N, C-alpha and C. Protein backbone atom coordinates (compact mmCIF):
# COMPACT_ATOMS: atom_id res chain seq x y z
N MET A 1 13.50 -5.59 49.28
CA MET A 1 14.01 -7.13 49.12
C MET A 1 15.02 -6.78 48.05
N ASP A 2 16.35 -7.29 48.10
CA ASP A 2 17.54 -7.01 47.22
C ASP A 2 17.63 -7.68 46.14
N THR A 3 17.07 -7.19 44.85
CA THR A 3 17.22 -7.67 43.63
C THR A 3 18.46 -7.58 43.45
N PRO A 4 18.92 -8.11 42.39
CA PRO A 4 20.04 -8.37 41.39
C PRO A 4 20.00 -6.75 40.56
N PHE A 5 18.94 -6.46 39.92
CA PHE A 5 18.51 -5.04 38.90
C PHE A 5 17.94 -4.22 39.45
N ASN A 6 17.97 -2.75 40.08
CA ASN A 6 17.69 -1.99 40.35
C ASN A 6 17.79 -0.41 39.27
N HIS A 7 17.25 0.09 38.94
CA HIS A 7 17.59 1.47 38.26
C HIS A 7 17.99 2.27 39.30
N ARG A 8 17.74 1.87 40.70
CA ARG A 8 18.39 3.56 41.83
C ARG A 8 19.82 3.12 41.25
N THR A 9 20.45 1.73 41.59
CA THR A 9 21.66 1.09 42.04
C THR A 9 22.32 0.40 40.81
N SER A 10 23.48 -0.58 40.17
CA SER A 10 24.04 -0.82 39.20
C SER A 10 23.38 -2.55 39.28
N ALA A 11 23.10 -2.63 37.98
CA ALA A 11 22.56 -4.00 37.09
C ALA A 11 23.98 -4.58 38.18
N ARG A 12 23.72 -5.69 38.46
CA ARG A 12 25.19 -6.57 38.75
C ARG A 12 24.66 -7.95 38.08
N THR A 13 25.78 -8.19 37.10
CA THR A 13 25.62 -9.65 35.84
C THR A 13 27.03 -10.64 36.66
N PRO A 14 25.90 -11.96 37.15
CA PRO A 14 26.45 -12.70 37.79
C PRO A 14 27.82 -13.43 36.39
N GLU A 15 28.45 -13.75 37.86
CA GLU A 15 29.38 -14.23 36.76
C GLU A 15 29.27 -15.87 35.76
N LEU A 16 29.64 -15.89 34.93
CA LEU A 16 29.58 -17.26 34.36
C LEU A 16 30.01 -18.94 35.26
N PRO A 17 29.96 -19.72 35.08
CA PRO A 17 30.53 -20.72 35.36
C PRO A 17 32.03 -20.37 34.66
N ALA A 18 33.01 -21.78 35.35
CA ALA A 18 33.80 -21.67 34.30
C ALA A 18 33.27 -22.65 32.97
N GLY A 19 34.41 -22.22 32.09
CA GLY A 19 34.55 -23.19 30.77
C GLY A 19 33.20 -22.62 29.87
N TYR A 20 32.58 -21.39 30.20
CA TYR A 20 30.87 -20.12 29.78
C TYR A 20 31.91 -18.57 29.21
N ARG A 21 31.49 -18.63 28.22
CA ARG A 21 31.84 -17.30 27.96
C ARG A 21 30.50 -16.82 26.78
N PHE A 22 30.71 -15.63 27.44
CA PHE A 22 29.37 -14.79 27.09
C PHE A 22 29.18 -13.91 26.13
N ARG A 23 28.89 -14.18 24.67
CA ARG A 23 28.65 -13.60 23.26
C ARG A 23 27.73 -13.26 22.93
N PRO A 24 27.47 -11.57 23.13
CA PRO A 24 26.65 -10.29 23.04
C PRO A 24 26.27 -10.31 21.20
N ILE A 25 25.47 -11.85 20.38
CA ILE A 25 25.36 -11.59 19.12
C ILE A 25 24.12 -12.90 18.94
N ALA A 26 23.49 -12.80 18.00
CA ALA A 26 22.16 -13.47 17.86
C ALA A 26 23.37 -14.45 17.61
N PRO A 27 22.46 -16.14 17.83
CA PRO A 27 23.44 -17.14 17.67
C PRO A 27 23.33 -17.59 16.15
N PRO A 28 23.52 -18.66 15.64
CA PRO A 28 23.58 -19.27 14.34
C PRO A 28 22.20 -19.59 14.05
N LEU A 29 21.41 -19.93 12.97
CA LEU A 29 19.95 -20.22 13.38
C LEU A 29 19.72 -21.44 14.05
N ALA A 30 20.74 -22.47 13.13
CA ALA A 30 20.85 -24.09 13.59
C ALA A 30 20.34 -23.65 15.17
N ASP A 31 21.46 -23.37 15.46
CA ASP A 31 21.36 -23.14 17.21
C ASP A 31 20.68 -22.80 17.63
N TYR A 32 19.94 -21.61 17.73
CA TYR A 32 18.21 -20.89 18.05
C TYR A 32 18.00 -21.79 18.22
N MET A 33 17.23 -22.50 16.59
CA MET A 33 15.57 -23.48 17.01
C MET A 33 16.12 -24.44 17.52
N ASN A 34 17.26 -24.97 17.61
CA ASN A 34 17.79 -26.34 18.45
C ASN A 34 17.36 -25.97 19.20
N LEU A 35 18.18 -25.18 20.49
CA LEU A 35 17.74 -24.16 21.70
C LEU A 35 16.41 -24.30 22.16
N ARG A 36 15.73 -23.42 20.76
CA ARG A 36 13.94 -23.29 21.44
C ARG A 36 13.49 -24.40 21.43
N ARG A 37 14.16 -25.77 20.59
CA ARG A 37 13.04 -26.56 20.16
C ARG A 37 13.30 -28.17 21.32
N ILE A 38 14.55 -27.44 21.96
CA ILE A 38 15.04 -28.79 23.67
C ILE A 38 14.40 -28.31 24.91
N CYS A 39 14.29 -26.58 24.38
CA CYS A 39 13.70 -26.08 25.63
C CYS A 39 11.97 -25.76 25.95
N ASN A 40 11.53 -26.33 24.46
CA ASN A 40 11.10 -26.24 24.90
C ASN A 40 9.58 -25.03 24.38
N LEU A 41 10.31 -24.38 23.91
CA LEU A 41 10.15 -22.36 24.27
C LEU A 41 8.87 -23.04 22.73
N THR A 42 7.86 -21.97 22.36
CA THR A 42 6.78 -22.01 21.29
C THR A 42 7.75 -22.09 20.30
N PRO A 43 7.43 -23.85 18.76
CA PRO A 43 7.62 -23.39 17.49
C PRO A 43 7.68 -22.84 17.08
N ILE A 44 8.68 -21.75 16.16
CA ILE A 44 8.76 -21.02 14.86
C ILE A 44 9.06 -21.57 14.04
N SER A 45 9.50 -21.59 12.18
CA SER A 45 9.91 -22.05 10.88
C SER A 45 11.21 -21.23 11.35
N ALA A 46 12.07 -22.09 9.98
CA ALA A 46 13.18 -21.24 9.56
C ALA A 46 13.12 -20.22 9.33
N THR A 47 11.75 -19.60 8.56
CA THR A 47 11.98 -18.48 7.61
C THR A 47 11.81 -16.90 9.68
N GLN A 48 11.15 -17.64 10.53
CA GLN A 48 10.42 -16.71 11.50
C GLN A 48 11.84 -16.37 12.11
N GLY A 49 12.68 -17.20 12.59
CA GLY A 49 14.58 -17.43 13.27
C GLY A 49 15.32 -17.39 12.51
N THR A 50 15.33 -15.78 10.64
CA THR A 50 16.30 -15.98 10.06
C THR A 50 16.89 -14.46 10.79
N ASN A 51 15.55 -13.68 11.65
CA ASN A 51 17.05 -12.33 12.14
C ASN A 51 17.68 -13.30 13.12
N ALA A 52 17.65 -14.11 13.05
CA ALA A 52 18.67 -14.73 14.90
C ALA A 52 20.12 -14.91 13.97
N ILE A 53 20.53 -15.61 13.05
CA ILE A 53 21.67 -16.02 12.14
C ILE A 53 22.77 -15.25 12.92
N ALA A 54 23.83 -15.39 13.04
CA ALA A 54 25.35 -15.13 13.09
C ALA A 54 25.97 -16.14 12.61
N GLU A 55 27.15 -16.08 12.40
CA GLU A 55 28.04 -17.23 11.83
C GLU A 55 28.38 -17.38 12.69
N PRO A 56 28.59 -19.24 12.80
CA PRO A 56 28.79 -20.35 13.64
C PRO A 56 30.24 -19.86 14.54
N THR A 57 30.37 -19.57 15.69
CA THR A 57 31.69 -19.56 15.89
C THR A 57 31.83 -20.79 17.07
N GLU A 58 31.10 -20.92 17.76
CA GLU A 58 30.70 -22.19 18.68
C GLU A 58 29.74 -22.60 18.87
N VAL A 59 29.39 -23.07 19.95
CA VAL A 59 28.07 -23.70 20.29
C VAL A 59 27.26 -23.13 21.16
N VAL A 60 25.99 -23.28 21.12
CA VAL A 60 25.13 -22.61 21.54
C VAL A 60 24.38 -22.91 22.56
N VAL A 61 24.70 -22.61 23.97
CA VAL A 61 24.16 -23.05 25.08
C VAL A 61 22.66 -22.41 25.75
N ALA A 62 23.19 -21.07 25.76
CA ALA A 62 22.26 -20.54 26.17
C ALA A 62 21.92 -19.29 24.98
N MET A 63 20.84 -18.87 25.38
CA MET A 63 20.39 -16.85 24.60
C MET A 63 18.96 -16.08 25.59
N GLY A 64 18.87 -15.47 24.78
CA GLY A 64 18.07 -14.63 25.18
C GLY A 64 18.41 -13.22 24.61
N ARG A 65 16.84 -12.28 23.67
CA ARG A 65 17.10 -11.21 23.54
C ARG A 65 16.00 -10.09 23.88
N ILE A 66 16.79 -8.75 23.65
CA ILE A 66 15.40 -7.31 24.07
C ILE A 66 14.85 -7.18 22.60
N ILE A 67 13.77 -6.83 23.04
CA ILE A 67 12.75 -6.54 21.82
C ILE A 67 12.51 -5.32 22.36
N GLY A 68 12.28 -4.02 21.84
CA GLY A 68 11.87 -2.49 22.42
C GLY A 68 11.84 -1.62 21.32
N ASP A 69 11.49 -0.80 21.94
CA ASP A 69 11.04 0.38 20.61
C ASP A 69 12.53 1.96 20.51
N GLY A 70 13.45 0.99 21.82
CA GLY A 70 14.38 2.47 21.86
C GLY A 70 14.75 3.61 22.89
N GLY A 71 13.69 3.27 23.06
CA GLY A 71 13.20 4.98 24.15
C GLY A 71 12.58 4.20 25.35
N TRP A 72 11.19 3.43 25.42
CA TRP A 72 10.86 3.24 27.02
C TRP A 72 10.40 2.00 26.97
N TYR A 73 9.80 0.97 25.91
CA TYR A 73 9.39 -0.50 26.33
C TYR A 73 9.90 -1.82 25.26
N PHE A 74 10.17 -2.07 26.38
CA PHE A 74 11.20 -3.35 26.25
C PHE A 74 10.66 -4.63 26.70
N HIS A 75 11.04 -5.81 25.88
CA HIS A 75 10.70 -7.05 26.26
C HIS A 75 11.47 -7.78 25.31
N ILE A 76 11.50 -8.88 26.87
CA ILE A 76 12.30 -10.21 26.78
C ILE A 76 12.24 -11.13 26.50
N SER A 77 13.43 -12.35 24.83
CA SER A 77 12.04 -12.85 23.93
C SER A 77 13.42 -14.06 24.49
N ASP A 78 12.92 -14.98 24.45
CA ASP A 78 13.88 -16.34 23.71
C ASP A 78 14.40 -16.43 24.55
N MET A 79 14.35 -16.79 26.06
CA MET A 79 15.45 -17.03 27.00
C MET A 79 15.50 -18.89 27.47
N ALA A 80 16.17 -18.92 27.29
CA ALA A 80 16.59 -20.05 26.92
C ALA A 80 18.08 -20.92 27.64
N VAL A 81 17.83 -21.79 28.00
CA VAL A 81 19.12 -22.67 28.62
C VAL A 81 18.90 -23.81 28.47
N SER A 82 19.63 -25.10 27.54
CA SER A 82 20.30 -26.31 27.02
C SER A 82 20.34 -27.01 28.92
N PRO A 83 19.48 -27.68 28.26
CA PRO A 83 18.85 -28.72 29.03
C PRO A 83 19.76 -29.04 30.16
N GLU A 84 21.14 -29.55 29.34
CA GLU A 84 22.54 -30.15 30.56
C GLU A 84 23.18 -29.03 30.75
N HIS A 85 22.72 -27.90 30.23
CA HIS A 85 23.76 -26.86 30.92
C HIS A 85 23.11 -26.08 32.21
N GLN A 86 21.61 -26.28 32.43
CA GLN A 86 20.81 -25.94 33.20
C GLN A 86 20.88 -26.02 34.92
N LYS A 87 20.46 -24.76 35.54
CA LYS A 87 21.37 -24.81 37.05
C LYS A 87 22.60 -24.54 37.35
N LYS A 88 23.26 -24.01 36.40
CA LYS A 88 24.76 -23.35 36.14
C LYS A 88 25.06 -22.25 36.89
N GLY A 89 23.40 -21.35 35.92
CA GLY A 89 24.00 -19.54 36.99
C GLY A 89 23.69 -18.93 35.28
N LEU A 90 23.56 -20.24 34.22
CA LEU A 90 23.42 -19.66 32.94
C LEU A 90 22.46 -18.23 32.48
N GLY A 91 21.48 -19.31 33.05
CA GLY A 91 19.87 -18.33 33.15
C GLY A 91 20.53 -17.02 33.66
N GLY A 92 20.17 -16.90 34.98
CA GLY A 92 20.71 -15.48 35.31
C GLY A 92 22.19 -14.45 35.00
N ALA A 93 23.24 -15.60 34.21
CA ALA A 93 23.94 -14.50 33.53
C ALA A 93 23.28 -14.25 32.36
N VAL A 94 22.64 -14.51 31.62
CA VAL A 94 22.41 -13.97 30.84
C VAL A 94 21.13 -13.17 30.89
N LEU A 95 20.06 -13.20 31.64
CA LEU A 95 19.33 -11.62 32.16
C LEU A 95 19.95 -10.52 32.74
N GLY A 96 20.96 -11.32 33.38
CA GLY A 96 22.27 -10.37 33.41
C GLY A 96 22.42 -9.14 32.65
N ALA A 97 23.45 -9.73 32.02
CA ALA A 97 23.68 -9.06 30.59
C ALA A 97 22.10 -8.52 30.21
N LEU A 98 21.21 -9.00 29.94
CA LEU A 98 20.52 -8.51 29.26
C LEU A 98 19.83 -6.89 30.04
N MET A 99 19.79 -6.92 30.91
CA MET A 99 19.35 -5.91 31.65
C MET A 99 20.15 -4.69 31.87
N GLN A 100 21.51 -5.22 32.02
CA GLN A 100 23.01 -4.34 32.22
C GLN A 100 23.09 -3.65 30.46
N ARG A 101 22.74 -4.19 29.86
CA ARG A 101 22.85 -3.59 28.36
C ARG A 101 21.66 -3.24 28.64
N LEU A 102 20.18 -2.86 29.17
CA LEU A 102 19.58 -1.63 29.04
C LEU A 102 19.95 -0.37 30.15
N GLU A 103 20.31 -1.00 31.19
CA GLU A 103 20.60 0.09 32.33
C GLU A 103 21.53 0.79 31.16
N ASP A 104 22.65 0.46 30.24
CA ASP A 104 23.78 1.28 30.25
C ASP A 104 23.68 2.02 28.85
N VAL A 105 22.37 2.25 28.27
CA VAL A 105 22.06 2.41 26.86
C VAL A 105 20.36 3.30 27.62
N VAL A 106 19.89 2.59 27.65
CA VAL A 106 18.40 3.71 27.91
C VAL A 106 18.18 4.17 29.06
N GLU A 107 17.50 5.52 29.12
CA GLU A 107 17.24 6.62 30.32
C GLU A 107 15.93 5.95 31.08
N PRO A 108 16.92 6.40 32.51
CA PRO A 108 15.92 5.55 33.13
C PRO A 108 14.75 6.09 32.63
N GLY A 109 12.81 4.98 33.23
CA GLY A 109 11.86 5.19 33.11
C GLY A 109 11.36 4.53 31.91
N TYR A 110 12.11 3.37 31.73
CA TYR A 110 11.02 2.42 30.93
C TYR A 110 11.04 1.49 31.58
N ILE A 111 9.84 0.15 30.74
CA ILE A 111 9.43 -1.10 31.33
C ILE A 111 10.05 -1.92 30.56
N VAL A 112 10.09 -2.96 31.64
CA VAL A 112 10.74 -4.45 30.33
C VAL A 112 9.75 -5.82 30.93
N CYS A 113 9.04 -5.79 29.91
CA CYS A 113 8.46 -6.81 30.19
C CYS A 113 8.90 -8.45 29.64
N LEU A 114 8.21 -9.70 29.84
CA LEU A 114 8.07 -10.59 29.30
C LEU A 114 7.20 -11.36 29.73
N PHE A 115 7.29 -12.94 29.11
CA PHE A 115 5.83 -13.87 29.27
C PHE A 115 6.89 -14.74 30.14
N ALA A 116 6.58 -15.22 31.05
CA ALA A 116 7.05 -16.09 32.17
C ALA A 116 6.36 -17.90 32.49
N ASP A 117 7.28 -18.61 31.46
CA ASP A 117 6.57 -19.90 31.46
C ASP A 117 7.13 -20.53 32.94
N PRO A 118 6.46 -21.57 33.51
CA PRO A 118 6.33 -22.15 34.36
C PRO A 118 8.42 -22.08 34.80
N PRO A 119 9.22 -22.62 33.90
CA PRO A 119 10.37 -22.88 34.74
C PRO A 119 11.09 -21.73 34.78
N GLY A 120 10.91 -20.22 34.25
CA GLY A 120 11.54 -19.41 34.49
C GLY A 120 11.77 -18.59 35.28
N ARG A 121 9.87 -18.77 35.83
CA ARG A 121 9.15 -18.10 36.60
C ARG A 121 10.12 -17.47 37.82
N HIS A 122 11.04 -18.11 39.04
CA HIS A 122 11.72 -18.27 39.57
C HIS A 122 12.88 -17.28 39.89
N LEU A 123 13.46 -17.76 38.41
CA LEU A 123 14.56 -16.71 37.86
C LEU A 123 14.32 -15.09 37.99
N TYR A 124 12.93 -14.90 37.27
CA TYR A 124 12.59 -13.68 36.84
C TYR A 124 12.12 -12.79 38.24
N ALA A 125 11.36 -13.70 38.77
CA ALA A 125 11.32 -12.89 40.51
C ALA A 125 12.97 -13.15 40.78
N LYS A 126 13.42 -13.01 41.28
CA LYS A 126 14.95 -13.68 41.93
C LYS A 126 15.86 -11.86 41.06
N TRP A 127 14.95 -11.45 39.89
CA TRP A 127 15.46 -10.14 38.80
C TRP A 127 14.43 -8.95 39.33
N GLY A 128 13.78 -9.07 40.05
CA GLY A 128 12.40 -8.28 40.31
C GLY A 128 11.21 -8.23 39.43
N PHE A 129 11.11 -8.97 38.89
CA PHE A 129 10.00 -9.13 37.85
C PHE A 129 8.59 -9.67 38.71
N ARG A 130 7.49 -8.87 38.39
CA ARG A 130 6.12 -9.63 39.25
C ARG A 130 5.15 -9.56 37.92
N GLU A 131 3.90 -10.28 38.83
CA GLU A 131 2.95 -10.39 37.46
C GLU A 131 2.07 -9.12 37.50
N SER A 132 2.07 -9.04 36.28
CA SER A 132 1.43 -7.75 36.02
C SER A 132 -0.25 -7.52 36.62
N ASP A 133 -1.11 -8.64 36.60
CA ASP A 133 -2.12 -8.10 36.80
C ASP A 133 -2.62 -7.84 38.54
N PRO A 134 -3.25 -7.30 39.07
CA PRO A 134 -4.28 -6.77 37.85
C PRO A 134 -4.46 -5.42 37.11
N ALA A 135 -3.62 -4.88 37.80
CA ALA A 135 -3.53 -3.39 37.05
C ALA A 135 -3.52 -3.52 35.71
N SER A 136 -2.78 -4.77 34.95
CA SER A 136 -2.77 -4.67 33.87
C SER A 136 -2.67 -5.97 32.90
N VAL A 137 -3.03 -6.64 32.36
CA VAL A 137 -3.01 -8.02 31.68
C VAL A 137 -2.63 -8.31 30.67
N GLY A 138 -1.39 -9.26 30.28
CA GLY A 138 -1.05 -9.29 28.60
C GLY A 138 -1.94 -9.88 28.05
N MET A 139 -1.98 -9.81 27.02
CA MET A 139 -2.97 -10.31 25.84
C MET A 139 -2.45 -10.41 24.69
N MET A 140 -2.77 -11.53 24.21
CA MET A 140 -2.06 -12.11 22.42
C MET A 140 -3.20 -12.15 21.61
N GLN A 141 -2.54 -12.91 20.78
CA GLN A 141 -3.15 -13.17 18.94
C GLN A 141 -2.39 -14.10 18.67
N TRP A 142 -2.69 -15.12 17.97
CA TRP A 142 -1.82 -15.95 17.12
C TRP A 142 -2.67 -15.62 15.64
N VAL A 143 -2.10 -15.35 14.75
CA VAL A 143 -2.55 -14.67 13.76
C VAL A 143 -1.97 -15.27 12.47
N GLY A 144 -2.99 -16.67 12.58
CA GLY A 144 -2.53 -17.87 11.49
C GLY A 144 -1.21 -18.49 11.28
N GLY A 145 -1.57 -19.45 10.75
CA GLY A 145 -0.47 -20.95 9.68
C GLY A 145 -1.00 -21.72 8.88
N LYS A 146 -0.08 -21.78 8.08
CA LYS A 146 -0.81 -23.53 7.65
C LYS A 146 -2.47 -23.41 7.88
N GLY A 147 -2.43 -22.12 6.42
CA GLY A 147 -3.98 -22.36 6.14
C GLY A 147 -4.99 -21.95 6.99
N GLU A 148 -4.67 -21.34 8.44
CA GLU A 148 -5.78 -20.58 9.42
C GLU A 148 -5.54 -18.79 9.39
N LYS A 149 -6.75 -18.32 9.05
CA LYS A 149 -7.25 -17.38 9.37
C LYS A 149 -6.63 -16.67 10.27
N LYS A 150 -6.61 -14.83 10.55
CA LYS A 150 -6.25 -14.95 10.98
C LYS A 150 -7.02 -14.54 12.88
N GLY A 151 -6.51 -14.66 13.52
CA GLY A 151 -7.39 -14.52 14.70
C GLY A 151 -8.40 -16.16 14.94
N GLU A 152 -8.11 -17.38 13.96
CA GLU A 152 -8.47 -18.65 14.35
C GLU A 152 -7.53 -19.27 15.38
N GLY A 153 -8.06 -19.99 15.55
CA GLY A 153 -6.75 -20.49 16.57
C GLY A 153 -6.70 -20.69 17.83
N TRP A 154 -5.74 -20.78 18.35
CA TRP A 154 -4.77 -20.52 19.60
C TRP A 154 -3.75 -20.46 19.77
N TRP A 155 -3.11 -20.00 20.79
CA TRP A 155 -1.80 -19.92 21.25
C TRP A 155 -1.34 -20.99 22.60
N PRO A 156 -1.01 -21.81 22.57
CA PRO A 156 0.46 -21.41 21.84
C PRO A 156 0.14 -22.36 19.96
N PRO A 157 1.13 -22.20 19.21
CA PRO A 157 0.23 -23.27 17.41
C PRO A 157 0.97 -24.30 18.27
N LYS A 158 0.26 -25.09 17.14
CA LYS A 158 1.04 -27.47 17.86
C LYS A 158 1.86 -27.24 16.60
N LYS A 159 2.76 -28.07 17.54
CA LYS A 159 4.37 -27.86 16.62
C LYS A 159 3.49 -28.52 15.12
N ALA A 160 2.44 -29.00 14.94
CA ALA A 160 2.93 -29.60 13.45
C ALA A 160 1.81 -28.93 12.75
N ASP A 161 1.08 -27.27 13.28
CA ASP A 161 1.17 -26.05 12.18
C ASP A 161 2.42 -25.16 12.09
N MET A 162 3.47 -26.20 12.57
CA MET A 162 4.06 -25.11 12.34
C MET A 162 5.91 -25.27 11.06
């Protein structure tokens, strides 16, 4: 299967549609929080989102980020495209830019993981991502909030809890 990303070849980042520009910086906090909200990502507090602050320069309509140890383990997070800008190739362009960044700076022999909500599964599969079970299954624990003790409750937290 030909995938847009393969360690044995160069990553291919899709072209952005006319009128869009890729900015490899974190979005302003307000845009970050709004994009998470309108794309139905897990709600977070403004305090939890403060690492995404950047000086506002333009309207942010898509985002994604890489979290990792800098060596061999990386996680794609916060992939979102504003609903009115979906179906234009922006999700693939953002994912392509993230994967290209990894290919440019990380020595081959690393792993890239993500949690795939139903709307994004087709995109991730096109890029070569596969479900990891039965070899490995992702596990998580919600670490409380608003009076909960560690390990209480379950994921995702209710919007009222944030």
